[in-house]
């Protein structure tokens, strides 16, 4: 049964333990490219580096390309109610929280595809 991880580190650990980490990276690359926000994480990227680079990318989108950021959230299908619950007073913190929501949604897609196909 699917249980959403509580934070980014737990999510990435679970993906690695279940041998789905590479599929998670593929899914992130695919959805970012669908949103015309080219990102090309190499398959060899370490989980900690993925976390850092994703955070930086989301920060830059919020700061400089807000319409594209909203489009990305739509393409990935991040729940709107979860985004609305975030505190936007600190952009660095917000980018970290949004990065986790993106990872959580991408992980959900990968997990369900793996277990129910």
N, C-alpha and C. Protein backbone atom coordinates (compact mmCIF):
# COMPACT_ATOMS: atom_id res chain seq x y z
N UNK A 1 0.83 -1.18 0.00
CA UNK A 1 0.00 0.00 0.00
C UNK A 1 0.88 1.25 0.00
N UNK A 2 0.47 2.24 -0.78
CA UNK A 2 1.25 3.46 -0.91
C UNK A 2 1.09 4.33 0.33
N UNK A 3 2.22 4.74 0.89
CA UNK A 3 2.23 5.69 2.00
C UNK A 3 3.19 6.81 1.60
N UNK A 4 2.68 8.03 1.58
CA UNK A 4 3.50 9.17 1.17
C UNK A 4 4.60 9.42 2.20
N UNK A 5 5.83 9.55 1.74
CA UNK A 5 6.94 9.86 2.67
C UNK A 5 6.75 11.23 3.32
N UNK A 6 7.31 11.38 4.51
CA UNK A 6 7.13 12.61 5.30
C UNK A 6 8.10 13.73 4.93
N UNK A 7 9.23 13.39 4.30
CA UNK A 7 10.17 14.43 3.89
C UNK A 7 11.01 13.94 2.72
N UNK A 8 11.80 14.83 2.17
CA UNK A 8 12.59 14.52 0.97
C UNK A 8 13.58 13.40 1.21
N UNK A 9 14.28 13.44 2.34
CA UNK A 9 15.29 12.41 2.61
C UNK A 9 14.67 11.02 2.71
N UNK A 10 13.53 10.92 3.38
CA UNK A 10 12.84 9.63 3.48
C UNK A 10 12.36 9.15 2.11
N UNK A 11 11.88 10.08 1.31
CA UNK A 11 11.40 9.75 -0.03
C UNK A 11 12.54 9.19 -0.87
N UNK A 12 13.67 9.88 -0.89
CA UNK A 12 14.80 9.44 -1.70
C UNK A 12 15.37 8.12 -1.20
N UNK A 13 15.37 7.93 0.11
CA UNK A 13 15.82 6.66 0.68
C UNK A 13 14.89 5.53 0.26
N UNK A 14 13.60 5.76 0.35
CA UNK A 14 12.62 4.74 -0.04
C UNK A 14 12.76 4.40 -1.52
N UNK A 15 12.95 5.41 -2.36
CA UNK A 15 13.12 5.17 -3.80
C UNK A 15 14.35 4.31 -4.06
N UNK A 16 15.43 4.58 -3.33
CA UNK A 16 16.65 3.79 -3.50
C UNK A 16 16.46 2.36 -3.01
N UNK A 17 15.84 2.20 -1.84
CA UNK A 17 15.62 0.87 -1.26
C UNK A 17 14.75 0.01 -2.18
N UNK A 18 13.75 0.63 -2.80
CA UNK A 18 12.84 -0.12 -3.67
C UNK A 18 13.36 -0.21 -5.12
N UNK A 19 14.60 0.22 -5.33
CA UNK A 19 15.23 0.19 -6.65
C UNK A 19 14.43 0.95 -7.70
N UNK A 20 13.84 2.06 -7.29
CA UNK A 20 13.05 2.89 -8.21
C UNK A 20 13.63 4.29 -8.35
N UNK A 21 14.81 4.50 -7.81
CA UNK A 21 15.41 5.84 -7.85
C UNK A 21 15.63 6.31 -9.29
N UNK A 22 16.15 5.43 -10.14
CA UNK A 22 16.41 5.81 -11.54
C UNK A 22 15.11 6.16 -12.26
N UNK A 23 14.06 5.43 -11.96
CA UNK A 23 12.76 5.73 -12.56
C UNK A 23 12.24 7.08 -12.09
N UNK A 24 12.51 7.42 -10.84
CA UNK A 24 12.13 8.72 -10.30
C UNK A 24 12.86 9.84 -11.05
N UNK A 25 14.16 9.67 -11.27
CA UNK A 25 14.94 10.66 -12.00
C UNK A 25 14.40 10.79 -13.43
N UNK A 26 14.09 9.66 -14.07
CA UNK A 26 13.53 9.68 -15.42
C UNK A 26 12.22 10.45 -15.46
N UNK A 27 11.36 10.21 -14.47
CA UNK A 27 10.05 10.87 -14.42
C UNK A 27 10.20 12.37 -14.23
N UNK A 28 11.12 12.78 -13.38
CA UNK A 28 11.36 14.21 -13.17
C UNK A 28 11.83 14.86 -14.47
N UNK A 29 12.81 14.23 -15.12
CA UNK A 29 13.31 14.76 -16.39
C UNK A 29 12.19 14.86 -17.42
N UNK A 30 11.37 13.82 -17.50
CA UNK A 30 10.28 13.79 -18.48
C UNK A 30 9.28 14.92 -18.24
N UNK A 31 8.84 15.10 -17.01
CA UNK A 31 7.82 16.11 -16.73
C UNK A 31 8.36 17.52 -16.87
N UNK A 32 9.60 17.75 -16.47
CA UNK A 32 10.19 19.07 -16.66
C UNK A 32 10.29 19.40 -18.15
N UNK A 33 10.66 18.42 -18.96
CA UNK A 33 10.74 18.65 -20.39
C UNK A 33 9.36 18.87 -21.01
N UNK A 34 8.35 18.17 -20.51
CA UNK A 34 6.97 18.40 -20.98
C UNK A 34 6.54 19.84 -20.70
N UNK A 35 7.03 20.39 -19.61
CA UNK A 35 6.68 21.77 -19.23
C UNK A 35 7.62 22.79 -19.88
N UNK A 36 8.46 22.33 -20.80
CA UNK A 36 9.43 23.20 -21.48
C UNK A 36 10.40 23.87 -20.51
N UNK A 37 10.70 23.19 -19.45
CA UNK A 37 11.69 23.65 -18.48
C UNK A 37 12.81 22.63 -18.45
N UNK A 38 13.53 22.58 -19.55
CA UNK A 38 14.57 21.57 -19.71
C UNK A 38 15.45 21.39 -18.50
N UNK A 39 15.44 20.20 -18.02
CA UNK A 39 16.32 19.82 -16.92
C UNK A 39 16.76 18.42 -17.29
N UNK A 40 17.99 18.15 -17.12
CA UNK A 40 18.48 16.84 -17.55
C UNK A 40 19.40 16.28 -16.48
N UNK A 41 18.76 15.75 -15.44
CA UNK A 41 19.54 15.14 -14.38
C UNK A 41 20.15 13.85 -14.94
N UNK A 42 21.45 13.67 -14.79
CA UNK A 42 22.06 12.41 -15.25
C UNK A 42 21.59 11.26 -14.37
N UNK A 43 21.54 10.07 -14.93
CA UNK A 43 21.09 8.91 -14.16
C UNK A 43 22.05 8.60 -13.02
N UNK A 44 23.25 9.13 -13.09
CA UNK A 44 24.25 8.88 -12.06
C UNK A 44 24.17 9.87 -10.90
N UNK A 45 23.20 10.80 -10.94
CA UNK A 45 23.11 11.83 -9.92
C UNK A 45 22.81 11.20 -8.55
N UNK A 46 23.53 11.66 -7.54
CA UNK A 46 23.32 11.17 -6.18
C UNK A 46 22.04 11.79 -5.62
N UNK A 47 21.32 11.08 -4.76
CA UNK A 47 20.08 11.62 -4.19
C UNK A 47 20.25 12.99 -3.55
N UNK A 48 21.32 13.20 -2.81
CA UNK A 48 21.53 14.49 -2.14
C UNK A 48 21.73 15.61 -3.18
N UNK A 49 22.44 15.29 -4.26
CA UNK A 49 22.67 16.27 -5.33
C UNK A 49 21.36 16.57 -6.08
N UNK A 50 20.54 15.56 -6.27
CA UNK A 50 19.23 15.75 -6.91
C UNK A 50 18.40 16.72 -6.08
N UNK A 51 18.39 16.50 -4.79
CA UNK A 51 17.65 17.37 -3.87
C UNK A 51 18.12 18.82 -3.98
N UNK A 52 19.42 19.04 -4.00
CA UNK A 52 19.99 20.39 -4.07
C UNK A 52 19.67 21.05 -5.40
N UNK A 53 19.91 20.33 -6.49
CA UNK A 53 19.69 20.92 -7.82
C UNK A 53 18.22 21.20 -8.09
N UNK A 54 17.33 20.32 -7.63
CA UNK A 54 15.90 20.55 -7.82
C UNK A 54 15.48 21.79 -7.04
N UNK A 55 15.97 21.93 -5.82
CA UNK A 55 15.66 23.10 -4.99
C UNK A 55 16.11 24.38 -5.70
N UNK A 56 17.32 24.37 -6.25
CA UNK A 56 17.84 25.55 -6.95
C UNK A 56 17.00 25.89 -8.17
N UNK A 57 16.60 24.86 -8.92
CA UNK A 57 15.79 25.08 -10.12
C UNK A 57 14.43 25.69 -9.76
N UNK A 58 13.79 25.17 -8.73
CA UNK A 58 12.49 25.69 -8.31
C UNK A 58 12.64 27.12 -7.80
N UNK A 59 13.70 27.38 -7.05
CA UNK A 59 13.95 28.74 -6.56
C UNK A 59 14.06 29.72 -7.73
N UNK A 60 14.84 29.36 -8.75
CA UNK A 60 15.01 30.25 -9.90
C UNK A 60 13.69 30.45 -10.65
N UNK A 61 12.89 29.39 -10.76
CA UNK A 61 11.59 29.53 -11.43
C UNK A 61 10.67 30.47 -10.67
N UNK A 62 10.59 30.31 -9.36
CA UNK A 62 9.73 31.20 -8.55
C UNK A 62 10.21 32.64 -8.68
N UNK A 63 11.52 32.82 -8.61
CA UNK A 63 12.10 34.16 -8.61
C UNK A 63 11.99 34.87 -9.97
N UNK A 64 12.24 34.14 -11.07
CA UNK A 64 12.41 34.79 -12.36
C UNK A 64 11.41 34.39 -13.44
N UNK A 65 10.76 33.24 -13.28
CA UNK A 65 9.86 32.75 -14.32
C UNK A 65 8.60 32.16 -13.68
N UNK A 66 7.83 33.02 -13.04
CA UNK A 66 6.71 32.54 -12.22
C UNK A 66 5.64 31.84 -13.05
N UNK A 67 5.32 32.35 -14.24
CA UNK A 67 4.30 31.70 -15.08
C UNK A 67 4.75 30.29 -15.46
N UNK A 68 6.03 30.13 -15.77
CA UNK A 68 6.56 28.81 -16.12
C UNK A 68 6.54 27.88 -14.91
N UNK A 69 6.78 28.45 -13.74
CA UNK A 69 6.72 27.68 -12.49
C UNK A 69 5.31 27.13 -12.28
N UNK A 70 4.31 27.99 -12.46
CA UNK A 70 2.92 27.53 -12.31
C UNK A 70 2.57 26.46 -13.34
N UNK A 71 3.04 26.63 -14.57
CA UNK A 71 2.81 25.64 -15.61
C UNK A 71 3.45 24.30 -15.23
N UNK A 72 4.64 24.34 -14.68
CA UNK A 72 5.33 23.12 -14.25
C UNK A 72 4.51 22.38 -13.19
N UNK A 73 4.01 23.13 -12.21
CA UNK A 73 3.19 22.50 -11.16
C UNK A 73 1.95 21.85 -11.76
N UNK A 74 1.38 22.49 -12.77
CA UNK A 74 0.20 21.94 -13.44
C UNK A 74 0.56 20.66 -14.20
N UNK A 75 1.65 20.69 -14.94
CA UNK A 75 2.08 19.53 -15.73
C UNK A 75 2.39 18.34 -14.81
N UNK A 76 3.08 18.60 -13.72
CA UNK A 76 3.43 17.53 -12.78
C UNK A 76 2.20 17.07 -12.01
N UNK A 77 1.22 17.94 -11.89
CA UNK A 77 -0.03 17.64 -11.18
C UNK A 77 0.16 17.65 -9.66
N UNK A 78 0.87 18.68 -9.20
CA UNK A 78 1.03 18.88 -7.76
C UNK A 78 -0.30 19.41 -7.23
N UNK A 79 -0.86 18.79 -6.18
CA UNK A 79 -2.16 19.23 -5.67
C UNK A 79 -2.17 20.71 -5.28
N UNK A 80 -3.12 21.44 -5.83
CA UNK A 80 -3.23 22.88 -5.60
C UNK A 80 -3.43 23.20 -4.13
N UNK A 81 -4.24 22.40 -3.43
CA UNK A 81 -4.50 22.67 -2.02
C UNK A 81 -3.22 22.56 -1.18
N UNK A 82 -2.29 21.68 -1.57
CA UNK A 82 -1.03 21.58 -0.84
C UNK A 82 -0.15 22.80 -1.08
N UNK A 83 -0.16 23.32 -2.30
CA UNK A 83 0.61 24.53 -2.62
C UNK A 83 0.05 25.71 -1.83
N UNK A 84 -1.27 25.82 -1.77
CA UNK A 84 -1.91 26.95 -1.09
C UNK A 84 -1.63 26.96 0.41
N UNK A 85 -1.32 25.81 0.98
CA UNK A 85 -1.06 25.72 2.41
C UNK A 85 0.35 26.19 2.80
N UNK A 86 1.21 26.38 1.80
CA UNK A 86 2.60 26.76 2.08
C UNK A 86 2.70 28.24 2.42
N UNK A 87 3.69 28.56 3.24
CA UNK A 87 3.97 29.95 3.62
C UNK A 87 4.98 30.51 2.63
N UNK A 88 4.58 31.52 1.88
CA UNK A 88 5.45 32.08 0.86
C UNK A 88 6.31 33.24 1.31
N UNK A 89 6.44 33.46 2.60
CA UNK A 89 7.18 34.63 3.09
C UNK A 89 8.69 34.51 2.87
N UNK A 90 9.22 33.31 2.84
CA UNK A 90 10.65 33.09 2.60
C UNK A 90 10.78 32.24 1.35
N UNK A 91 11.29 32.83 0.27
CA UNK A 91 11.32 32.14 -1.02
C UNK A 91 12.23 30.92 -1.00
N UNK A 92 13.32 30.98 -0.27
CA UNK A 92 14.23 29.83 -0.19
C UNK A 92 13.52 28.65 0.47
N UNK A 93 12.83 28.93 1.57
CA UNK A 93 12.06 27.89 2.28
C UNK A 93 10.93 27.37 1.40
N UNK A 94 10.23 28.28 0.74
CA UNK A 94 9.13 27.90 -0.15
C UNK A 94 9.63 26.97 -1.26
N UNK A 95 10.77 27.30 -1.86
CA UNK A 95 11.33 26.47 -2.93
C UNK A 95 11.63 25.06 -2.43
N UNK A 96 12.12 24.95 -1.20
CA UNK A 96 12.38 23.63 -0.61
C UNK A 96 11.11 22.84 -0.41
N UNK A 97 10.07 23.51 0.07
CA UNK A 97 8.79 22.84 0.30
C UNK A 97 8.15 22.40 -1.01
N UNK A 98 8.22 23.26 -2.03
CA UNK A 98 7.65 22.93 -3.34
C UNK A 98 8.45 21.79 -3.97
N UNK A 99 9.76 21.81 -3.80
CA UNK A 99 10.59 20.72 -4.32
C UNK A 99 10.15 19.39 -3.73
N UNK A 100 9.86 19.39 -2.43
CA UNK A 100 9.38 18.16 -1.79
C UNK A 100 8.03 17.74 -2.38
N UNK A 101 7.11 18.69 -2.58
CA UNK A 101 5.81 18.34 -3.16
C UNK A 101 5.96 17.77 -4.57
N UNK A 102 6.89 18.33 -5.34
CA UNK A 102 7.14 17.81 -6.68
C UNK A 102 7.70 16.40 -6.60
N UNK A 103 8.69 16.20 -5.74
CA UNK A 103 9.26 14.86 -5.58
C UNK A 103 8.20 13.86 -5.11
N UNK A 104 7.35 14.31 -4.19
CA UNK A 104 6.31 13.43 -3.65
C UNK A 104 5.35 12.99 -4.75
N UNK A 105 4.95 13.93 -5.61
CA UNK A 105 4.02 13.60 -6.70
C UNK A 105 4.70 12.70 -7.75
N UNK A 106 5.94 13.02 -8.07
CA UNK A 106 6.67 12.20 -9.04
C UNK A 106 6.89 10.79 -8.49
N UNK A 107 7.19 10.69 -7.20
CA UNK A 107 7.38 9.38 -6.56
C UNK A 107 6.07 8.59 -6.59
N UNK A 108 4.97 9.27 -6.35
CA UNK A 108 3.67 8.60 -6.38
C UNK A 108 3.43 8.00 -7.77
N UNK A 109 3.73 8.76 -8.82
CA UNK A 109 3.55 8.26 -10.19
C UNK A 109 4.41 7.02 -10.43
N UNK A 110 5.68 7.10 -10.05
CA UNK A 110 6.61 5.99 -10.26
C UNK A 110 6.18 4.76 -9.46
N UNK A 111 5.82 4.97 -8.20
CA UNK A 111 5.45 3.87 -7.33
C UNK A 111 4.22 3.13 -7.87
N UNK A 112 3.17 3.89 -8.21
CA UNK A 112 1.96 3.26 -8.72
C UNK A 112 2.21 2.55 -10.03
N UNK A 113 2.98 3.15 -10.91
CA UNK A 113 3.28 2.53 -12.20
C UNK A 113 4.03 1.21 -11.97
N UNK A 114 4.92 1.20 -11.00
CA UNK A 114 5.69 -0.02 -10.73
C UNK A 114 4.84 -1.13 -10.12
N UNK A 115 3.96 -0.77 -9.20
CA UNK A 115 3.21 -1.80 -8.48
C UNK A 115 1.87 -2.19 -9.10
N UNK A 116 1.37 -1.40 -10.03
CA UNK A 116 0.06 -1.72 -10.59
C UNK A 116 0.07 -1.83 -12.10
N UNK A 117 1.22 -2.15 -12.67
CA UNK A 117 1.30 -2.40 -14.11
C UNK A 117 1.60 -3.81 -14.37
